[in-house]
C-alpha atoms as a PDB file:
ATOM      1  CA  UNK A   1     -65.924  76.928  59.153  1.00  0.00           C
ATOM      2  CA  UNK A   2     -62.603  77.312  60.797  1.00  0.00           C
ATOM      3  CA  UNK A   3     -63.081  74.048  62.571  1.00  0.00           C
ATOM      4  CA  UNK A   4     -63.744  72.293  59.302  1.00  0.00           C
ATOM      5  CA  UNK A   5     -60.633  73.766  57.775  1.00  0.00           C
ATOM      6  CA  UNK A   6     -58.549  72.601  60.737  1.00  0.00           C
ATOM      7  CA  UNK A   7     -60.008  69.135  60.475  1.00  0.00           C
ATOM      8  CA  UNK A   8     -59.186  68.973  56.811  1.00  0.00           C
ATOM      9  CA  UNK A   9     -55.683  70.157  57.445  1.00  0.00           C
ATOM     10  CA  UNK A  10     -55.289  67.583  60.167  1.00  0.00           C
ATOM     11  CA  UNK A  11     -56.505  64.821  57.879  1.00  0.00           C
ATOM     12  CA  UNK A  12     -54.216  65.966  55.092  1.00  0.00           C
ATOM     13  CA  UNK A  13     -51.281  66.198  57.452  1.00  0.00           C
ATOM     14  CA  UNK A  14     -51.963  62.690  58.795  1.00  0.00           C
ATOM     15  CA  UNK A  15     -52.226  61.306  55.285  1.00  0.00           C
ATOM     16  CA  UNK A  16     -48.976  63.004  54.344  1.00  0.00           C
ATOM     17  CA  UNK A  17     -47.307  61.638  57.435  1.00  0.00           C
ATOM     18  CA  UNK A  18     -48.675  58.120  56.764  1.00  0.00           C
ATOM     19  CA  UNK A  19     -47.485  58.275  53.153  1.00  0.00           C
ATOM     20  CA  UNK A  20     -44.052  59.455  54.163  1.00  0.00           C
ATOM     21  CA  UNK A  21     -43.848  56.584  56.739  1.00  0.00           C
ATOM     22  CA  UNK A  22     -45.043  53.935  54.249  1.00  0.00           C
ATOM     23  CA  UNK A  23     -42.383  54.675  51.631  1.00  0.00           C
ATOM     24  CA  UNK A  24     -39.393  53.118  53.592  1.00  0.00           C
ATOM     25  CA  UNK A  25     -41.494  50.078  54.532  1.00  0.00           C
ATOM     26  CA  UNK A  26     -42.328  49.537  50.894  1.00  0.00           C
ATOM     27  CA  UNK A  27     -38.691  49.647  49.975  1.00  0.00           C
ATOM     28  CA  UNK A  28     -37.898  47.088  52.710  1.00  0.00           C
ATOM     29  CA  UNK A  29     -40.691  44.811  51.528  1.00  0.00           C
ATOM     30  CA  UNK A  30     -39.494  45.063  47.938  1.00  0.00           C
ATOM     31  CA  UNK A  31     -35.904  44.388  48.939  1.00  0.00           C
ATOM     32  CA  UNK A  32     -36.980  41.445  51.097  1.00  0.00           C
ATOM     33  CA  UNK A  33     -39.053  39.963  48.282  1.00  0.00           C
ATOM     34  CA  UNK A  34     -36.120  40.293  45.892  1.00  0.00           C
ATOM     35  CA  UNK A  35     -33.782  38.644  48.417  1.00  0.00           C
ATOM     36  CA  UNK A  36     -36.348  35.883  48.976  1.00  0.00           C
ATOM     37  CA  UNK A  37     -36.720  35.300  45.261  1.00  0.00           C
ATOM     38  CA  UNK A  38     -32.937  35.301  44.819  1.00  0.00           C
ATOM     39  CA  UNK A  39     -32.578  32.832  47.735  1.00  0.00           C
ATOM     40  CA  UNK A  40     -35.234  30.534  46.213  1.00  0.00           C
ATOM     41  CA  UNK A  41     -33.516  30.725  42.854  1.00  0.00           C
ATOM     42  CA  UNK A  42     -30.107  29.868  44.383  1.00  0.00           C
ATOM     43  CA  UNK A  43     -31.674  27.160  46.557  1.00  0.00           C
ATOM     44  CA  UNK A  44     -33.339  25.593  43.545  1.00  0.00           C
ATOM     45  CA  UNK A  45     -30.054  25.705  41.603  1.00  0.00           C
ATOM     46  CA  UNK A  46     -28.110  24.261  44.522  1.00  0.00           C
ATOM     47  CA  UNK A  47     -30.786  21.584  45.043  1.00  0.00           C
ATOM     48  CA  UNK A  48     -30.557  20.644  41.362  1.00  0.00           C
ATOM     49  CA  UNK A  49     -26.779  20.577  41.604  1.00  0.00           C
ATOM     50  CA  UNK A  50     -26.978  18.462  44.782  1.00  0.00           C
ATOM     51  CA  UNK A  51     -29.390  16.002  43.119  1.00  0.00           C
ATOM     52  CA  UNK A  52     -27.083  15.796  40.098  1.00  0.00           C
ATOM     53  CA  UNK A  53     -24.103  15.237  42.397  1.00  0.00           C
ATOM     54  CA  UNK A  54     -25.977  12.490  44.267  1.00  0.00           C
ATOM     55  CA  UNK A  55     -26.897  10.817  40.986  1.00  0.00           C
ATOM     56  CA  UNK A  56     -23.292  11.073  39.807  1.00  0.00           C
ATOM     57  CA  UNK A  57     -22.061   9.732  43.153  1.00  0.00           C
ATOM     58  CA  UNK A  58     -24.509   6.836  42.992  1.00  0.00           C
ATOM     59  CA  UNK A  59     -23.411   6.046  39.433  1.00  0.00           C
ATOM     60  CA  UNK A  60     -19.734   6.319  40.417  1.00  0.00           C
ATOM     61  CA  UNK A  61     -20.305   4.050  43.449  1.00  0.00           C
ATOM     62  CA  UNK A  62     -22.064   1.505  41.233  1.00  0.00           C
ATOM     63  CA  UNK A  63     -19.183   1.645  38.743  1.00  0.00           C
ATOM     64  CA  UNK A  64     -16.711   1.364  41.631  1.00  0.00           C
ATOM     65  CA  UNK A  65     -18.532  -1.685  43.014  1.00  0.00           C
ATOM     66  CA  UNK A  66     -18.531  -3.218  39.535  1.00  0.00           C
ATOM     67  CA  UNK A  67     -14.823  -2.433  39.112  1.00  0.00           C
ATOM     68  CA  UNK A  68     -14.048  -3.904  42.569  1.00  0.00           C
ATOM     69  CA  UNK A  69     -15.940  -7.084  41.681  1.00  0.00           C
ATOM     70  CA  UNK A  70     -14.050  -7.313  38.382  1.00  0.00           C
ATOM     71  CA  UNK A  71     -10.765  -6.663  40.204  1.00  0.00           C
ATOM     72  CA  UNK A  72     -11.536  -9.405  42.728  1.00  0.00           C
ATOM     73  CA  UNK A  73     -12.404 -11.786  39.917  1.00  0.00           C
ATOM     74  CA  UNK A  74      -9.254 -10.773  38.025  1.00  0.00           C
ATOM     75  CA  UNK A  75      -7.174 -11.268  41.180  1.00  0.00           C
ATOM     76  CA  UNK A  76      -8.584 -14.777  41.560  1.00  0.00           C
ATOM     77  CA  UNK A  77      -7.904 -15.521  37.910  1.00  0.00           C
ATOM     78  CA  UNK A  78      -4.355 -14.128  38.316  1.00  0.00           C
ATOM     79  CA  UNK A  79      -3.703 -16.345  41.355  1.00  0.00           C
ATOM     80  CA  UNK A  80      -5.091 -19.366  39.489  1.00  0.00           C
ATOM     81  CA  UNK A  81      -2.956 -18.508  36.458  1.00  0.00           C
ATOM     82  CA  UNK A  82       0.111 -18.065  38.695  1.00  0.00           C
ATOM     83  CA  UNK A  83      -0.493 -21.445  40.338  1.00  0.00           C
ATOM     84  CA  UNK A  84      -0.996 -23.031  36.919  1.00  0.00           C
ATOM     85  CA  UNK A  85       2.196 -21.385  35.658  1.00  0.00           C
ATOM     86  CA  UNK A  86       4.117 -22.704  38.687  1.00  0.00           C
ATOM     87  CA  UNK A  87       2.768 -26.192  38.045  1.00  0.00           C
ATOM     88  CA  UNK A  88       3.710 -25.913  34.370  1.00  0.00           C
ATOM     89  CA  UNK A  89       7.225 -24.759  35.340  1.00  0.00           C
ATOM     90  CA  UNK A  90       7.572 -27.793  37.616  1.00  0.00           C
ATOM     91  CA  UNK A  91       6.332 -30.105  34.872  1.00  0.00           C
ATOM     92  CA  UNK A  92       8.723 -28.456  32.433  1.00  0.00           C
ATOM     93  CA  UNK A  93      11.627 -28.969  34.853  1.00  0.00           C
ATOM     94  CA  UNK A  94      10.661 -32.614  35.390  1.00  0.00           C
ATOM     95  CA  UNK A  95      10.338 -33.181  31.660  1.00  0.00           C
ATOM     96  CA  UNK A  96      13.693 -31.485  31.080  1.00  0.00           C
ATOM     97  CA  UNK A  97      15.325 -33.775  33.657  1.00  0.00           C
ATOM     98  CA  UNK A  98      13.697 -36.815  32.088  1.00  0.00           C
ATOM     99  CA  UNK A  99      14.782 -35.653  28.641  1.00  0.00           C
ATOM    100  CA  UNK A 100      18.366 -35.218  29.883  1.00  0.00           C
ATOM    101  CA  UNK A 101      18.340 -38.713  31.405  1.00  0.00           C
ATOM    102  CA  UNK A 102      16.776 -40.228  28.305  1.00  0.00           C
ATOM    103  CA  UNK A 103      19.323 -38.403  26.127  1.00  0.00           C
ATOM    104  CA  UNK A 104      22.143 -39.829  28.256  1.00  0.00           C
ATOM    105  CA  UNK A 105      20.636 -43.311  28.025  1.00  0.00           C
ATOM    106  CA  UNK A 106      20.188 -42.918  24.279  1.00  0.00           C
ATOM    107  CA  UNK A 107      23.830 -41.865  23.898  1.00  0.00           C
ATOM    108  CA  UNK A 108      24.954 -44.818  26.034  1.00  0.00           C
ATOM    109  CA  UNK A 109      22.753 -47.171  24.033  1.00  0.00           C
ATOM    110  CA  UNK A 110      24.093 -45.717  20.809  1.00  0.00           C
ATOM    111  CA  UNK A 111      27.684 -46.216  21.999  1.00  0.00           C
ATOM    112  CA  UNK A 112      26.871 -49.769  23.083  1.00  0.00           C
ATOM    113  CA  UNK A 113      25.200 -50.463  19.752  1.00  0.00           C
ATOM    114  CA  UNK A 114      28.216 -49.021  17.957  1.00  0.00           C
ATOM    115  CA  UNK A 115      30.476 -51.384  19.919  1.00  0.00           C
ATOM    116  CA  UNK A 116      28.184 -54.324  19.157  1.00  0.00           C
ATOM    117  CA  UNK A 117      28.219 -53.388  15.462  1.00  0.00           C
ATOM    118  CA  UNK A 118      32.006 -53.590  15.554  1.00  0.00           C
ATOM    119  CA  UNK A 119      31.905 -57.143  16.870  1.00  0.00           C
ATOM    120  CA  UNK A 120      32.135 -60.149  14.563  1.00  0.00           C
ATOM    121  CA  UNK A 121      28.979 -62.053  13.538  1.00  0.00           C
ATOM    122  CA  UNK A 122      27.309 -64.221  16.234  1.00  0.00           C
ATOM    123  CA  UNK A 123      28.530 -67.482  14.705  1.00  0.00           C
ATOM    124  CA  UNK A 124      32.098 -66.170  14.700  1.00  0.00           C
ATOM    125  CA  UNK A 125      31.735 -64.993  18.318  1.00  0.00           C
ATOM    126  CA  UNK A 126      30.498 -68.479  19.260  1.00  0.00           C
ATOM    127  CA  UNK A 127      33.584 -69.979  17.682  1.00  0.00           C
ATOM    128  CA  UNK A 128      35.849 -67.505  19.492  1.00  0.00           C
ATOM    129  CA  UNK A 129      34.157 -68.285  22.824  1.00  0.00           C
ATOM    130  CA  UNK A 130      34.573 -72.008  22.205  1.00  0.00           C
ATOM    131  CA  UNK A 131      38.263 -71.527  21.399  1.00  0.00           C
ATOM    132  CA  UNK A 132      38.638 -69.297  24.462  1.00  0.00           C
ATOM    133  CA  UNK A 133      37.064 -71.932  26.725  1.00  0.00           C
ATOM    134  CA  UNK A 134      39.361 -74.587  25.279  1.00  0.00           C
ATOM    135  CA  UNK A 135      42.391 -72.305  25.673  1.00  0.00           C
ATOM    136  CA  UNK A 136      41.377 -71.570  29.267  1.00  0.00           C
ATOM    137  CA  UNK A 137      41.231 -75.308  30.011  1.00  0.00           C
ATOM    138  CA  UNK A 138      44.632 -75.788  28.435  1.00  0.00           C
ATOM    139  CA  UNK A 139      46.091 -72.885  30.461  1.00  0.00           C
ATOM    140  CA  UNK A 140      44.614 -74.282  33.677  1.00  0.00           C
ATOM    141  CA  UNK A 141      46.075 -77.691  32.861  1.00  0.00           C
ATOM    142  CA  UNK A 142      49.488 -76.135  32.165  1.00  0.00           C
ATOM    143  CA  UNK A 143      49.311 -74.117  35.398  1.00  0.00           C
ATOM    144  CA  UNK A 144      48.396 -77.238  37.380  1.00  0.00           C
ATOM    145  CA  UNK A 145      51.266 -79.100  35.730  1.00  0.00           C
ATOM    146  CA  UNK A 146      53.636 -76.221  36.494  1.00  0.00           C
ATOM    147  CA  UNK A 147      52.475 -76.232  40.099  1.00  0.00           C
ATOM    148  CA  UNK A 148      53.213 -79.952  40.361  1.00  0.00           C
ATOM    149  CA  UNK A 149      56.566 -79.460  38.684  1.00  0.00           C
ATOM    150  CA  UNK A 150      57.331 -76.555  41.027  1.00  0.00           C
ATOM    151  CA  UNK A 151      56.406 -78.589  44.068  1.00  0.00           C
ATOM    152  CA  UNK A 152      58.517 -81.490  42.780  1.00  0.00           C
ATOM    153  CA  UNK A 153      61.392 -79.130  42.076  1.00  0.00           C
ATOM    154  CA  UNK A 154      61.148 -77.612  45.559  1.00  0.00           C
ATOM    155  CA  UNK A 155      61.043 -81.083  47.074  1.00  0.00           C
ATOM    156  CA  UNK A 156      64.150 -82.174  45.181  1.00  0.00           C
ATOM    157  CA  UNK A 157      65.828 -78.867  46.031  1.00  0.00           C
ATOM    158  CA  UNK A 158      65.079 -79.336  49.723  1.00  0.00           C
ATOM    159  CA  UNK A 159      66.494 -82.864  49.586  1.00  0.00           C
ATOM    160  CA  UNK A 160      69.535 -81.613  47.712  1.00  0.00           C
ATOM    161  CA  UNK A 161      70.053 -78.818  50.205  1.00  0.00           C
ATOM    162  CA  UNK A 162      69.733 -81.245  53.100  1.00  0.00           C
ATOM    163  CA  UNK A 163      72.385 -83.493  51.579  1.00  0.00           C
ATOM    164  CA  UNK A 164      74.764 -80.957  50.037  1.00  0.00           C
ATOM    165  CA  UNK A 165      73.680 -77.528  51.163  1.00  0.00           C
ATOM    166  CA  UNK A 166      74.569 -77.699  54.826  1.00  0.00           C
ATOM    167  CA  UNK A 167      72.598 -75.395  57.100  1.00  0.00           C
ATOM    168  CA  UNK A 168      71.871 -72.617  54.605  1.00  0.00           C
ATOM    169  CA  UNK A 169      68.273 -71.262  55.138  1.00  0.00           C
ATOM    170  CA  UNK A 170      65.725 -71.526  52.337  1.00  0.00           C
ATOM    171  CA  UNK A 171      63.673 -68.668  50.951  1.00  0.00           C
ATOM    172  CA  UNK A 172      60.075 -68.297  52.173  1.00  0.00           C
ATOM    173  CA  UNK A 173      57.137 -66.301  50.678  1.00  0.00           C
ATOM    174  CA  UNK A 174      57.590 -62.575  51.204  1.00  0.00           C
ATOM    175  CA  UNK A 175      55.317 -61.107  53.898  1.00  0.00           C
ATOM    176  CA  UNK A 176      54.725 -64.507  55.517  1.00  0.00           C
ATOM    177  CA  UNK A 177      53.358 -64.123  59.071  1.00  0.00           C
ATOM    178  CA  UNK A 178      52.183 -66.425  61.848  1.00  0.00           C
ATOM    179  CA  UNK A 179      51.667 -66.744  65.613  1.00  0.00           C
ATOM    180  CA  UNK A 180      53.425 -68.842  68.214  1.00  0.00           C
ATOM    181  CA  UNK A 181      50.877 -71.406  69.444  1.00  0.00           C
ATOM    182  CA  UNK A 182      53.066 -73.333  71.932  1.00  0.00           C
ATOM    183  CA  UNK A 183      56.536 -72.971  73.488  1.00  0.00           C
ATOM    184  CA  UNK A 184      58.893 -75.568  75.004  1.00  0.00           C
ATOM    185  CA  UNK A 185      61.439 -73.492  76.957  1.00  0.00           C
ATOM    186  CA  UNK A 186      63.377 -76.606  77.969  1.00  0.00           C
ATOM    187  CA  UNK A 187      64.266 -77.626  74.397  1.00  0.00           C
ATOM    188  CA  UNK A 188      63.806 -74.153  72.861  1.00  0.00           C
ATOM    189  CA  UNK A 189      61.305 -75.077  70.169  1.00  0.00           C
ATOM    190  CA  UNK A 190      57.949 -73.548  69.231  1.00  0.00           C
ATOM    191  CA  UNK A 191      54.805 -74.528  67.304  1.00  0.00           C
ATOM    192  CA  UNK A 192      53.618 -71.897  64.783  1.00  0.00           C
ATOM    193  CA  UNK A 193      50.159 -71.770  63.134  1.00  0.00           C
ATOM    194  CA  UNK A 194      51.397 -71.684  59.518  1.00  0.00           C
ATOM    195  CA  UNK A 195      52.413 -74.646  57.383  1.00  0.00           C
ATOM    196  CA  UNK A 196      52.644 -76.078  53.921  1.00  0.00           C
ATOM    197  CA  UNK A 197      49.395 -74.349  52.795  1.00  0.00           C
ATOM    198  CA  UNK A 198      51.055 -70.978  53.463  1.00  0.00           C
ATOM    199  CA  UNK A 199      54.308 -71.889  51.688  1.00  0.00           C
ATOM    200  CA  UNK A 200      56.372 -72.747  54.789  1.00  0.00           C
ATOM    201  CA  UNK A 201      59.488 -74.865  54.105  1.00  0.00           C
ATOM    202  CA  UNK A 202      61.952 -76.710  56.298  1.00  0.00           C
ATOM    203  CA  UNK A 203      65.088 -74.737  57.219  1.00  0.00           C
ATOM    204  CA  UNK A 204      63.256 -71.490  56.587  1.00  0.00           C
ATOM    205  CA  UNK A 205      64.103 -68.820  59.155  1.00  0.00           C
ATOM    206  CA  UNK A 206      61.680 -66.237  60.624  1.00  0.00           C
ATOM    207  CA  UNK A 207      61.959 -63.456  63.187  1.00  0.00           C
ATOM    208  CA  UNK A 208      59.981 -63.398  66.465  1.00  0.00           C
ATOM    209  CA  UNK A 209      58.346 -60.029  67.170  1.00  0.00           C
ATOM    210  CA  UNK A 210      56.403 -58.731  70.145  1.00  0.00           C
ATOM    211  CA  UNK A 211      54.738 -55.325  69.591  1.00  0.00           C
ATOM    212  CA  UNK A 212      57.586 -54.137  67.377  1.00  0.00           C
ATOM    213  CA  UNK A 213      60.368 -55.512  69.583  1.00  0.00           C
ATOM    214  CA  UNK A 214      62.705 -58.267  68.324  1.00  0.00           C
ATOM    215  CA  UNK A 215      62.594 -61.277  70.702  1.00  0.00           C
ATOM    216  CA  UNK A 216      64.541 -63.830  68.663  1.00  0.00           C
ATOM    217  CA  UNK A 217      64.805 -65.922  65.532  1.00  0.00           C
ATOM    218  CA  UNK A 218      63.590 -69.422  64.665  1.00  0.00           C
ATOM    219  CA  UNK A 219      64.518 -72.071  62.104  1.00  0.00           C
ATOM    220  CA  UNK A 220      61.754 -74.362  60.851  1.00  0.00           C
ATOM    221  CA  UNK A 221      62.512 -78.058  61.349  1.00  0.00           C
ATOM    222  CA  UNK A 222      59.191 -79.740  60.494  1.00  0.00           C
ATOM    223  CA  UNK A 223      56.275 -78.661  58.290  1.00  0.00           C
ATOM    224  CA  UNK A 224      52.696 -79.930  58.282  1.00  0.00           C
ATOM    225  CA  UNK A 225      49.618 -78.816  56.366  1.00  0.00           C
ATOM    226  CA  UNK A 226      48.679 -75.831  58.537  1.00  0.00           C
ATOM    227  CA  UNK A 227      51.393 -75.656  61.206  1.00  0.00           C
ATOM    228  CA  UNK A 228      55.114 -76.109  61.698  1.00  0.00           C
ATOM    229  CA  UNK A 229      57.698 -76.779  64.395  1.00  0.00           C
ATOM    230  CA  UNK A 230      60.766 -74.541  64.695  1.00  0.00           C
ATOM    231  CA  UNK A 231      63.886 -74.282  66.873  1.00  0.00           C
ATOM    232  CA  UNK A 232      64.743 -71.016  68.645  1.00  0.00           C
ATOM    233  CA  UNK A 233      68.230 -69.917  67.531  1.00  0.00           C
ATOM    234  CA  UNK A 234      70.203 -69.218  70.714  1.00  0.00           C
ATOM    235  CA  UNK A 235      72.452 -66.588  69.096  1.00  0.00           C
ATOM    236  CA  UNK A 236      69.365 -64.508  68.250  1.00  0.00           C
ATOM    237  CA  UNK A 237      67.519 -64.894  71.528  1.00  0.00           C
ATOM    238  CA  UNK A 238      66.708 -61.508  73.108  1.00  0.00           C
ATOM    239  CA  UNK A 239      64.137 -62.617  75.672  1.00  0.00           C
ATOM    240  CA  UNK A 240      61.699 -65.337  76.664  1.00  0.00           C
ATOM    241  CA  UNK A 241      59.483 -66.437  73.775  1.00  0.00           C
ATOM    242  CA  UNK A 242      55.787 -66.573  74.679  1.00  0.00           C
ATOM    243  CA  UNK A 243      52.585 -67.899  73.172  1.00  0.00           C
ATOM    244  CA  UNK A 244      50.970 -65.219  70.998  1.00  0.00           C
ATOM    245  CA  UNK A 245      54.294 -63.744  69.814  1.00  0.00           C
ATOM    246  CA  UNK A 246      54.292 -62.988  66.085  1.00  0.00           C
ATOM    247  CA  UNK A 247      56.686 -64.607  63.628  1.00  0.00           C
ATOM    248  CA  UNK A 248      57.473 -62.699  60.442  1.00  0.00           C
ATOM    249  CA  UNK A 249      59.598 -63.200  57.348  1.00  0.00           C
END
C-alpha cells in the first residue's frame, strides 16, 4: 500500500515537473509563431512593394526611352530647321543685295529717262546733229586755214627778221626738248633730232644740258622736217658738247 502511494506521488510529481517545464517552451513556441507570422506579413508587404516599384521602374524606363527617342527626333528636326533657317538667311541676304542693286539700276534708269524726256524730239535732235556736223566741218576748215595763215605769217616774219631784225633770236614752243645726234667740234655745230614738226625755227636758241649741268648754248641755223642744224655759241660754251647731250628751251 505504501509502495503504491509512493508510486502515485512519484507520477504526480513527474507530471507536475513536466507541466512546469512545458510552460516556458509553449511561450517560446507562441512567440516564435507570432514573429514568423509577422515576418511573413512584412515580407509579403515588402514583396508587393518591390513588385510595384519594379513595375513603376519599368514604366518609367519605357517612358524615358520614349522621351529620349522623341528628344533625339526633336534634336534632328531642330538641326534641320536651323540649317534651313541659315539657308533662308543667306537667300534673304542675297535677295536684299539684288534688290539694292536693282533699286540702284532703277534709279539710274529713271534719271536717264528723265534726262531723255528733257531732250528735244528725235527729228529736232537729228537736225541739231546735222547742224553740229556741218559746224564742226566749218570749224576744222577755219582751223586749217588759220594754221596755213599762221605758217605763212611765221614764214614772212622769219624773212622780215632775217632782213631787218638782225640777229635777234625767235621764240620757240615752251618746253621744247631734243638730243644732240652729231657734233662737229672743228666748226662748232651740232645736229639735233627735232625739226619743223616740233615747231623748231631758224635763229631759235636753246640751252645744252648734261645731267642738270649747263654745257653751252646753240642757235639754230637750218631746219628740216624732223631735225635741225645749230651753231654752238662760243660765249656760252662751258665744256665739250657730246652726242646724247640734251637741248632744252
